[in-house]
Structures are given as structure tokens and as C-alpha cells.
Amino acid sequence: MGIVTTGLISFTLLALNLGFSSGFVLTWLRSWSIAY
């Protein structure tokens, strides 16, 4: 449950707030791991 929920929420919020910039994937993985 933690993998699914934190992955979806962190991806959605970063995409909405930052957009798909060049460092999106690294920022998303970092925030996903902290949230997890």
C-alpha cells in the first residue's frame, strides 16, 4: 500500500507543482523515498 499510494501522490503533486522539467525523475524518486 505504501509503494502504490506514495508513488501516485508524489508523482501527481510534483507534476502539478513543478511540471516535467529536466530533473523531474530524480526529484520524484527522492520525494517518493522520503514519503515511503
PDB file of all heavy atoms in Angstrom:
ATOM      1  N   MET A   1       0.834  -1.202   0.000  1.00  0.00           N
ATOM      2  CA  MET A   1       0.000   0.000   0.000  1.00  0.00           C
ATOM      3  C   MET A   1       0.870   1.255   0.000  1.00  0.00           C
ATOM      4  O   MET A   1       0.546   2.248  -0.659  1.00  0.00           O
ATOM      5  CB  MET A   1      -0.920   0.001   1.207  1.00  0.00           C
ATOM      6  CG  MET A   1      -1.875   1.150   1.238  1.00  0.00           C
ATOM      7  SD  MET A   1      -2.955   0.999   2.653  1.00  0.00           S
ATOM      8  CE  MET A   1      -3.763   2.560   2.617  1.00  0.00           C
ATOM      9  N   GLY A   2       1.967   1.216   0.730  1.00  0.00           N
ATOM     10  CA  GLY A   2       2.872   2.364   0.775  1.00  0.00           C
ATOM     11  C   GLY A   2       3.505   2.661  -0.569  1.00  0.00           C
ATOM     12  O   GLY A   2       3.632   3.826  -0.955  1.00  0.00           O
ATOM     13  N   ILE A   3       3.901   1.620  -1.302  1.00  0.00           N
ATOM     14  CA  ILE A   3       4.509   1.820  -2.620  1.00  0.00           C
ATOM     15  C   ILE A   3       3.519   2.491  -3.566  1.00  0.00           C
ATOM     16  O   ILE A   3       3.840   3.474  -4.234  1.00  0.00           O
ATOM     17  CB  ILE A   3       4.998   0.475  -3.206  1.00  0.00           C
ATOM     18  CG1 ILE A   3       6.249   0.002  -2.475  1.00  0.00           C
ATOM     19  CG2 ILE A   3       5.284   0.594  -4.696  1.00  0.00           C
ATOM     20  CD1 ILE A   3       6.700  -1.382  -2.868  1.00  0.00           C
ATOM     21  N   VAL A   4       2.316   1.965  -3.611  1.00  0.00           N
ATOM     22  CA  VAL A   4       1.318   2.477  -4.557  1.00  0.00           C
ATOM     23  C   VAL A   4       0.895   3.897  -4.199  1.00  0.00           C
ATOM     24  O   VAL A   4       0.923   4.797  -5.048  1.00  0.00           O
ATOM     25  CB  VAL A   4       0.092   1.535  -4.612  1.00  0.00           C
ATOM     26  CG1 VAL A   4      -1.024   2.135  -5.441  1.00  0.00           C
ATOM     27  CG2 VAL A   4       0.499   0.180  -5.163  1.00  0.00           C
ATOM     28  N   THR A   5       0.512   4.113  -2.955  1.00  0.00           N
ATOM     29  CA  THR A   5      -0.030   5.432  -2.596  1.00  0.00           C
ATOM     30  C   THR A   5       1.028   6.533  -2.648  1.00  0.00           C
ATOM     31  O   THR A   5       0.768   7.604  -3.200  1.00  0.00           O
ATOM     32  CB  THR A   5      -0.674   5.408  -1.201  1.00  0.00           C
ATOM     33  OG1 THR A   5       0.274   4.936  -0.256  1.00  0.00           O
ATOM     34  CG2 THR A   5      -1.902   4.542  -1.187  1.00  0.00           C
ATOM     35  N   THR A   6       2.195   6.282  -2.087  1.00  0.00           N
ATOM     36  CA  THR A   6       3.212   7.338  -2.106  1.00  0.00           C
ATOM     37  C   THR A   6       3.715   7.605  -3.515  1.00  0.00           C
ATOM     38  O   THR A   6       4.009   8.749  -3.859  1.00  0.00           O
ATOM     39  CB  THR A   6       4.404   6.982  -1.196  1.00  0.00           C
ATOM     40  OG1 THR A   6       4.946   5.725  -1.601  1.00  0.00           O
ATOM     41  CG2 THR A   6       3.994   6.940   0.257  1.00  0.00           C
ATOM     42  N   GLY A   7       3.799   6.555  -4.334  1.00  0.00           N
ATOM     43  CA  GLY A   7       4.225   6.751  -5.718  1.00  0.00           C
ATOM     44  C   GLY A   7       3.253   7.606  -6.503  1.00  0.00           C
ATOM     45  O   GLY A   7       3.647   8.558  -7.185  1.00  0.00           O
ATOM     46  N   LEU A   8       1.971   7.285  -6.400  1.00  0.00           N
ATOM     47  CA  LEU A   8       0.964   8.061  -7.139  1.00  0.00           C
ATOM     48  C   LEU A   8       0.846   9.490  -6.647  1.00  0.00           C
ATOM     49  O   LEU A   8       0.791  10.435  -7.444  1.00  0.00           O
ATOM     50  CB  LEU A   8      -0.396   7.368  -7.027  1.00  0.00           C
ATOM     51  CG  LEU A   8      -0.576   6.096  -7.832  1.00  0.00           C
ATOM     52  CD1 LEU A   8      -1.884   5.421  -7.476  1.00  0.00           C
ATOM     53  CD2 LEU A   8      -0.531   6.407  -9.314  1.00  0.00           C
ATOM     54  N   ILE A   9       0.809   9.657  -5.350  1.00  0.00           N
ATOM     55  CA  ILE A   9       0.629  11.005  -4.807  1.00  0.00           C
ATOM     56  C   ILE A   9       1.850  11.880  -5.073  1.00  0.00           C
ATOM     57  O   ILE A   9       1.714  13.032  -5.494  1.00  0.00           O
ATOM     58  CB  ILE A   9       0.305  10.940  -3.303  1.00  0.00           C
ATOM     59  CG1 ILE A   9      -1.089  10.340  -3.113  1.00  0.00           C
ATOM     60  CG2 ILE A   9       0.383  12.311  -2.656  1.00  0.00           C
ATOM     61  CD1 ILE A   9      -1.443  10.026  -1.689  1.00  0.00           C
ATOM     62  N   SER A  10       3.046  11.355  -4.846  1.00  0.00           N
ATOM     63  CA  SER A  10       4.239  12.176  -5.076  1.00  0.00           C
ATOM     64  C   SER A  10       4.407  12.512  -6.554  1.00  0.00           C
ATOM     65  O   SER A  10       4.774  13.637  -6.906  1.00  0.00           O
ATOM     66  CB  SER A  10       5.485  11.478  -4.536  1.00  0.00           C
ATOM     67  OG  SER A  10       5.717  10.268  -5.222  1.00  0.00           O
ATOM     68  N   PHE A  11       4.107  11.564  -7.445  1.00  0.00           N
ATOM     69  CA  PHE A  11       4.196  11.835  -8.875  1.00  0.00           C
ATOM     70  C   PHE A  11       3.211  12.920  -9.288  1.00  0.00           C
ATOM     71  O   PHE A  11       3.568  13.876  -9.985  1.00  0.00           O
ATOM     72  CB  PHE A  11       3.934  10.555  -9.671  1.00  0.00           C
ATOM     73  CG  PHE A  11       4.017  10.743 -11.153  1.00  0.00           C
ATOM     74  CD1 PHE A  11       5.238  10.650 -11.810  1.00  0.00           C
ATOM     75  CD2 PHE A  11       2.883  11.022 -11.898  1.00  0.00           C
ATOM     76  CE1 PHE A  11       5.319  10.831 -13.178  1.00  0.00           C
ATOM     77  CE2 PHE A  11       2.958  11.201 -13.265  1.00  0.00           C
ATOM     78  CZ  PHE A  11       4.181  11.105 -13.914  1.00  0.00           C
ATOM     79  N   THR A  12       1.972  12.783  -8.844  1.00  0.00           N
ATOM     80  CA  THR A  12       0.931  13.740  -9.222  1.00  0.00           C
ATOM     81  C   THR A  12       1.235  15.140  -8.702  1.00  0.00           C
ATOM     82  O   THR A  12       1.139  16.126  -9.445  1.00  0.00           O
ATOM     83  CB  THR A  12      -0.436  13.276  -8.693  1.00  0.00           C
ATOM     84  OG1 THR A  12      -0.696  11.955  -9.179  1.00  0.00           O
ATOM     85  CG2 THR A  12      -1.537  14.207  -9.127  1.00  0.00           C
ATOM     86  N   LEU A  13       1.604  15.242  -7.433  1.00  0.00           N
ATOM     87  CA  LEU A  13       1.870  16.569  -6.865  1.00  0.00           C
ATOM     88  C   LEU A  13       3.087  17.237  -7.491  1.00  0.00           C
ATOM     89  O   LEU A  13       3.075  18.441  -7.752  1.00  0.00           O
ATOM     90  CB  LEU A  13       2.031  16.465  -5.354  1.00  0.00           C
ATOM     91  CG  LEU A  13       0.755  16.139  -4.589  1.00  0.00           C
ATOM     92  CD1 LEU A  13       1.041  15.966  -3.106  1.00  0.00           C
ATOM     93  CD2 LEU A  13      -0.292  17.211  -4.811  1.00  0.00           C
ATOM     94  N   LEU A  14       4.146  16.462  -7.744  1.00  0.00           N
ATOM     95  CA  LEU A  14       5.318  17.059  -8.393  1.00  0.00           C
ATOM     96  C   LEU A  14       5.011  17.473  -9.829  1.00  0.00           C
ATOM     97  O   LEU A  14       5.463  18.522 -10.280  1.00  0.00           O
ATOM     98  CB  LEU A  14       6.493  16.083  -8.376  1.00  0.00           C
ATOM     99  CG  LEU A  14       7.284  16.051  -7.088  1.00  0.00           C
ATOM    100  CD1 LEU A  14       8.320  14.947  -7.121  1.00  0.00           C
ATOM    101  CD2 LEU A  14       7.957  17.385  -6.840  1.00  0.00           C
ATOM    102  N   ALA A  15       4.245  16.657 -10.533  1.00  0.00           N
ATOM    103  CA  ALA A  15       3.894  17.008 -11.908  1.00  0.00           C
ATOM    104  C   ALA A  15       3.049  18.278 -11.955  1.00  0.00           C
ATOM    105  O   ALA A  15       3.229  19.128 -12.837  1.00  0.00           O
ATOM    106  CB  ALA A  15       3.166  15.849 -12.576  1.00  0.00           C
ATOM    107  N   LEU A  16       2.118  18.406 -11.010  1.00  0.00           N
ATOM    108  CA  LEU A  16       1.272  19.599 -10.988  1.00  0.00           C
ATOM    109  C   LEU A  16       2.027  20.843 -10.536  1.00  0.00           C
ATOM    110  O   LEU A  16       1.824  21.932 -11.080  1.00  0.00           O
ATOM    111  CB  LEU A  16       0.072  19.376 -10.074  1.00  0.00           C
ATOM    112  CG  LEU A  16      -0.984  18.388 -10.573  1.00  0.00           C
ATOM    113  CD1 LEU A  16      -2.019  18.145  -9.493  1.00  0.00           C
ATOM    114  CD2 LEU A  16      -1.629  18.917 -11.837  1.00  0.00           C
ATOM    115  N   ASN A  17       2.885  20.701  -9.536  1.00  0.00           N
ATOM    116  CA  ASN A  17       3.560  21.874  -8.972  1.00  0.00           C
ATOM    117  C   ASN A  17       4.821  22.277  -9.723  1.00  0.00           C
ATOM    118  O   ASN A  17       5.107  23.466  -9.846  1.00  0.00           O
ATOM    119  CB  ASN A  17       3.897  21.631  -7.497  1.00  0.00           C
ATOM    120  CG  ASN A  17       2.651  21.595  -6.646  1.00  0.00           C
ATOM    121  OD1 ASN A  17       1.695  22.301  -6.905  1.00  0.00           O
ATOM    122  ND2 ASN A  17       2.658  20.744  -5.641  1.00  0.00           N
ATOM    123  N   LEU A  18       5.600  21.304 -10.210  1.00  0.00           N
ATOM    124  CA  LEU A  18       6.855  21.631 -10.879  1.00  0.00           C
ATOM    125  C   LEU A  18       6.803  21.456 -12.388  1.00  0.00           C
ATOM    126  O   LEU A  18       7.602  22.044 -13.104  1.00  0.00           O
ATOM    127  CB  LEU A  18       7.993  20.752 -10.332  1.00  0.00           C
ATOM    128  CG  LEU A  18       8.346  20.901  -8.862  1.00  0.00           C
ATOM    129  CD1 LEU A  18       9.470  19.944  -8.486  1.00  0.00           C
ATOM    130  CD2 LEU A  18       8.756  22.333  -8.557  1.00  0.00           C
ATOM    131  N   GLY A  19       5.903  20.617 -12.850  1.00  0.00           N
ATOM    132  CA  GLY A  19       5.892  20.299 -14.283  1.00  0.00           C
ATOM    133  C   GLY A  19       6.989  19.282 -14.580  1.00  0.00           C
ATOM    134  O   GLY A  19       7.739  18.847 -13.706  1.00  0.00           O
ATOM    135  N   PHE A  20       7.062  18.877 -15.822  1.00  0.00           N
ATOM    136  CA  PHE A  20       8.051  17.878 -16.224  1.00  0.00           C
ATOM    137  C   PHE A  20       9.329  18.566 -16.685  1.00  0.00           C
ATOM    138  O   PHE A  20       9.593  18.723 -17.868  1.00  0.00           O
ATOM    139  CB  PHE A  20       7.474  16.985 -17.328  1.00  0.00           C
ATOM    140  CG  PHE A  20       6.313  16.158 -16.868  1.00  0.00           C
ATOM    141  CD1 PHE A  20       5.014  16.508 -17.224  1.00  0.00           C
ATOM    142  CD2 PHE A  20       6.502  15.049 -16.077  1.00  0.00           C
ATOM    143  CE1 PHE A  20       3.931  15.753 -16.795  1.00  0.00           C
ATOM    144  CE2 PHE A  20       5.439  14.290 -15.639  1.00  0.00           C
ATOM    145  CZ  PHE A  20       4.157  14.642 -16.001  1.00  0.00           C
ATOM    146  N   SER A  21      10.152  18.951 -15.722  1.00  0.00           N
ATOM    147  CA  SER A  21      11.421  19.603 -16.017  1.00  0.00           C
ATOM    148  C   SER A  21      12.503  18.547 -16.218  1.00  0.00           C
ATOM    149  O   SER A  21      12.247  17.344 -16.147  1.00  0.00           O
ATOM    150  CB  SER A  21      11.801  20.555 -14.884  1.00  0.00           C
ATOM    151  OG  SER A  21      11.941  19.825 -13.682  1.00  0.00           O
ATOM    152  N   SER A  22      13.716  18.988 -16.417  1.00  0.00           N
ATOM    153  CA  SER A  22      14.811  18.054 -16.694  1.00  0.00           C
ATOM    154  C   SER A  22      15.153  17.182 -15.485  1.00  0.00           C
ATOM    155  O   SER A  22      15.560  16.041 -15.647  1.00  0.00           O
ATOM    156  CB  SER A  22      16.052  18.822 -17.144  1.00  0.00           C
ATOM    157  OG  SER A  22      16.464  19.706 -16.112  1.00  0.00           O
ATOM    158  N   GLY A  23      14.984  17.668 -14.282  1.00  0.00           N
ATOM    159  CA  GLY A  23      15.323  16.887 -13.096  1.00  0.00           C
ATOM    160  C   GLY A  23      14.121  16.251 -12.423  1.00  0.00           C
ATOM    161  O   GLY A  23      14.172  15.909 -11.244  1.00  0.00           O
ATOM    162  N   PHE A  24      13.029  16.086 -13.190  1.00  0.00           N
ATOM    163  CA  PHE A  24      11.784  15.588 -12.605  1.00  0.00           C
ATOM    164  C   PHE A  24      11.938  14.197 -12.007  1.00  0.00           C
ATOM    165  O   PHE A  24      11.514  13.940 -10.874  1.00  0.00           O
ATOM    166  CB  PHE A  24      10.663  15.583 -13.644  1.00  0.00           C
ATOM    167  CG  PHE A  24       9.374  15.026 -13.128  1.00  0.00           C
ATOM    168  CD1 PHE A  24       8.536  15.821 -12.364  1.00  0.00           C
ATOM    169  CD2 PHE A  24       9.007  13.717 -13.377  1.00  0.00           C
ATOM    170  CE1 PHE A  24       7.339  15.315 -11.870  1.00  0.00           C
ATOM    171  CE2 PHE A  24       7.820  13.202 -12.888  1.00  0.00           C
ATOM    172  CZ  PHE A  24       6.986  14.001 -12.131  1.00  0.00           C
ATOM    173  N   VAL A  25      12.552  13.284 -12.727  1.00  0.00           N
ATOM    174  CA  VAL A  25      12.629  11.894 -12.273  1.00  0.00           C
ATOM    175  C   VAL A  25      13.440  11.779 -10.986  1.00  0.00           C
ATOM    176  O   VAL A  25      13.021  11.093 -10.041  1.00  0.00           O
ATOM    177  CB  VAL A  25      13.210  10.989 -13.386  1.00  0.00           C
ATOM    178  CG1 VAL A  25      13.429   9.579 -12.870  1.00  0.00           C
ATOM    179  CG2 VAL A  25      12.300  10.972 -14.594  1.00  0.00           C
ATOM    180  N   LEU A  26      14.563  12.456 -10.910  1.00  0.00           N
ATOM    181  CA  LEU A  26      15.380  12.390  -9.690  1.00  0.00           C
ATOM    182  C   LEU A  26      14.672  13.035  -8.502  1.00  0.00           C
ATOM    183  O   LEU A  26      14.716  12.514  -7.382  1.00  0.00           O
ATOM    184  CB  LEU A  26      16.739  13.052  -9.926  1.00  0.00           C
ATOM    185  CG  LEU A  26      17.672  12.314 -10.877  1.00  0.00           C
ATOM    186  CD1 LEU A  26      18.955  13.107 -11.078  1.00  0.00           C
ATOM    187  CD2 LEU A  26      17.972  10.923 -10.363  1.00  0.00           C
ATOM    188  N   THR A  27      14.012  14.160  -8.748  1.00  0.00           N
ATOM    189  CA  THR A  27      13.254  14.815  -7.676  1.00  0.00           C
ATOM    190  C   THR A  27      12.107  13.929  -7.210  1.00  0.00           C
ATOM    191  O   THR A  27      11.852  13.803  -6.010  1.00  0.00           O
ATOM    192  CB  THR A  27      12.706  16.175  -8.160  1.00  0.00           C
ATOM    193  OG1 THR A  27      13.786  16.951  -8.669  1.00  0.00           O
ATOM    194  CG2 THR A  27      12.019  16.917  -7.048  1.00  0.00           C
ATOM    195  N   TRP A  28      11.430  13.288  -8.167  1.00  0.00           N
ATOM    196  CA  TRP A  28      10.314  12.406  -7.821  1.00  0.00           C
ATOM    197  C   TRP A  28      10.793  11.195  -7.024  1.00  0.00           C
ATOM    198  O   TRP A  28      10.197  10.843  -6.008  1.00  0.00           O
ATOM    199  CB  TRP A  28       9.589  11.967  -9.088  1.00  0.00           C
ATOM    200  CG  TRP A  28       8.541  10.932  -8.821  1.00  0.00           C
ATOM    201  CD1 TRP A  28       7.525  11.012  -7.921  1.00  0.00           C
ATOM    202  CD2 TRP A  28       8.424   9.660  -9.443  1.00  0.00           C
ATOM    203  NE1 TRP A  28       6.768   9.858  -7.960  1.00  0.00           N
ATOM    204  CE2 TRP A  28       7.297   9.020  -8.889  1.00  0.00           C
ATOM    205  CE3 TRP A  28       9.137   9.005 -10.435  1.00  0.00           C
ATOM    206  CZ2 TRP A  28       6.889   7.751  -9.293  1.00  0.00           C
ATOM    207  CZ3 TRP A  28       8.720   7.742 -10.835  1.00  0.00           C
ATOM    208  CH2 TRP A  28       7.608   7.132 -10.253  1.00  0.00           C
ATOM    209  N   LEU A  29      11.878  10.575  -7.444  1.00  0.00           N
ATOM    210  CA  LEU A  29      12.397   9.410  -6.712  1.00  0.00           C
ATOM    211  C   LEU A  29      12.841   9.783  -5.305  1.00  0.00           C
ATOM    212  O   LEU A  29      12.643   9.013  -4.354  1.00  0.00           O
ATOM    213  CB  LEU A  29      13.534   8.760  -7.487  1.00  0.00           C
ATOM    214  CG  LEU A  29      13.129   8.044  -8.776  1.00  0.00           C
ATOM    215  CD1 LEU A  29      14.355   7.566  -9.530  1.00  0.00           C
ATOM    216  CD2 LEU A  29      12.177   6.901  -8.486  1.00  0.00           C
ATOM    217  N   ARG A  30      13.424  10.953  -5.158  1.00  0.00           N
ATOM    218  CA  ARG A  30      13.846  11.398  -3.824  1.00  0.00           C
ATOM    219  C   ARG A  30      12.639  11.640  -2.922  1.00  0.00           C
ATOM    220  O   ARG A  30      12.595  11.171  -1.782  1.00  0.00           O
ATOM    221  CB  ARG A  30      14.677  12.672  -3.939  1.00  0.00           C
ATOM    222  CG  ARG A  30      15.173  13.180  -2.611  1.00  0.00           C
ATOM    223  CD  ARG A  30      16.085  14.404  -2.803  1.00  0.00           C
ATOM    224  NE  ARG A  30      16.530  14.892  -1.523  1.00  0.00           N
ATOM    225  CZ  ARG A  30      15.903  15.843  -0.832  1.00  0.00           C
ATOM    226  NH1 ARG A  30      14.821  16.405  -1.307  1.00  0.00           N
ATOM    227  NH2 ARG A  30      16.370  16.244   0.324  1.00  0.00           N
ATOM    228  N   SER A  31      11.642  12.355  -3.429  1.00  0.00           N
ATOM    229  CA  SER A  31      10.461  12.625  -2.606  1.00  0.00           C
ATOM    230  C   SER A  31       9.660  11.350  -2.357  1.00  0.00           C
ATOM    231  O   SER A  31       9.085  11.177  -1.276  1.00  0.00           O
ATOM    232  CB  SER A  31       9.582  13.687  -3.258  1.00  0.00           C
ATOM    233  OG  SER A  31       9.054  13.227  -4.475  1.00  0.00           O
ATOM    234  N   TRP A  32       9.646  10.435  -3.310  1.00  0.00           N
ATOM    235  CA  TRP A  32       8.949   9.166  -3.133  1.00  0.00           C
ATOM    236  C   TRP A  32       9.598   8.344  -2.032  1.00  0.00           C
ATOM    237  O   TRP A  32       8.924   7.789  -1.166  1.00  0.00           O
ATOM    238  CB  TRP A  32       8.940   8.395  -4.446  1.00  0.00           C
ATOM    239  CG  TRP A  32       8.089   7.152  -4.441  1.00  0.00           C
ATOM    240  CD1 TRP A  32       7.285   6.692  -3.446  1.00  0.00           C
ATOM    241  CD2 TRP A  32       7.958   6.227  -5.504  1.00  0.00           C
ATOM    242  NE1 TRP A  32       6.669   5.525  -3.836  1.00  0.00           N
ATOM    243  CE2 TRP A  32       7.061   5.218  -5.095  1.00  0.00           C
ATOM    244  CE3 TRP A  32       8.515   6.148  -6.774  1.00  0.00           C
ATOM    245  CZ2 TRP A  32       6.721   4.149  -5.908  1.00  0.00           C
ATOM    246  CZ3 TRP A  32       8.160   5.075  -7.576  1.00  0.00           C
ATOM    247  CH2 TRP A  32       7.268   4.091  -7.150  1.00  0.00           C
ATOM    248  N   SER A  33      10.919   8.302  -2.021  1.00  0.00           N
ATOM    249  CA  SER A  33      11.611   7.507  -0.990  1.00  0.00           C
ATOM    250  C   SER A  33      11.403   8.100   0.402  1.00  0.00           C
ATOM    251  O   SER A  33      11.208   7.365   1.380  1.00  0.00           O
ATOM    252  CB  SER A  33      13.098   7.384  -1.314  1.00  0.00           C
ATOM    253  OG  SER A  33      13.710   8.654  -1.311  1.00  0.00           O
ATOM    254  N   ILE A  34      11.416   9.405   0.517  1.00  0.00           N
ATOM    255  CA  ILE A  34      11.175  10.037   1.822  1.00  0.00           C
ATOM    256  C   ILE A  34       9.743   9.770   2.285  1.00  0.00           C
ATOM    257  O   ILE A  34       9.508   9.412   3.447  1.00  0.00           O
ATOM    258  CB  ILE A  34      11.459  11.555   1.745  1.00  0.00           C
ATOM    259  CG1 ILE A  34      12.952  11.792   1.530  1.00  0.00           C
ATOM    260  CG2 ILE A  34      10.977  12.268   3.006  1.00  0.00           C
ATOM    261  CD1 ILE A  34      13.306  13.215   1.179  1.00  0.00           C
ATOM    262  N   ALA A  35       8.780   9.922   1.378  1.00  0.00           N
ATOM    263  CA  ALA A  35       7.383   9.674   1.735  1.00  0.00           C
ATOM    264  C   ALA A  35       7.172   8.217   2.121  1.00  0.00           C
ATOM    265  O   ALA A  35       6.433   7.908   3.062  1.00  0.00           O
ATOM    266  CB  ALA A  35       6.479  10.043   0.564  1.00  0.00           C
ATOM    267  N   TYR A  36       7.833   7.299   1.430  1.00  0.00           N
ATOM    268  CA  TYR A  36       7.691   5.872   1.716  1.00  0.00           C
ATOM    269  C   TYR A  36       8.212   5.545   3.111  1.00  0.00           C
ATOM    270  O   TYR A  36       7.593   4.792   3.860  1.00  0.00           O
ATOM    271  CB  TYR A  36       8.427   5.060   0.651  1.00  0.00           C
ATOM    272  CG  TYR A  36       8.225   3.577   0.774  1.00  0.00           C
ATOM    273  CD1 TYR A  36       7.015   2.998   0.430  1.00  0.00           C
ATOM    274  CD2 TYR A  36       9.242   2.750   1.232  1.00  0.00           C
ATOM    275  CE1 TYR A  36       6.818   1.635   0.540  1.00  0.00           C
ATOM    276  CE2 TYR A  36       9.051   1.389   1.344  1.00  0.00           C
ATOM    277  CZ  TYR A  36       7.845   0.835   0.992  1.00  0.00           C
ATOM    278  OH  TYR A  36       7.654  -0.509   1.111  1.00  0.00           O
TER     279      TYR A  36
END
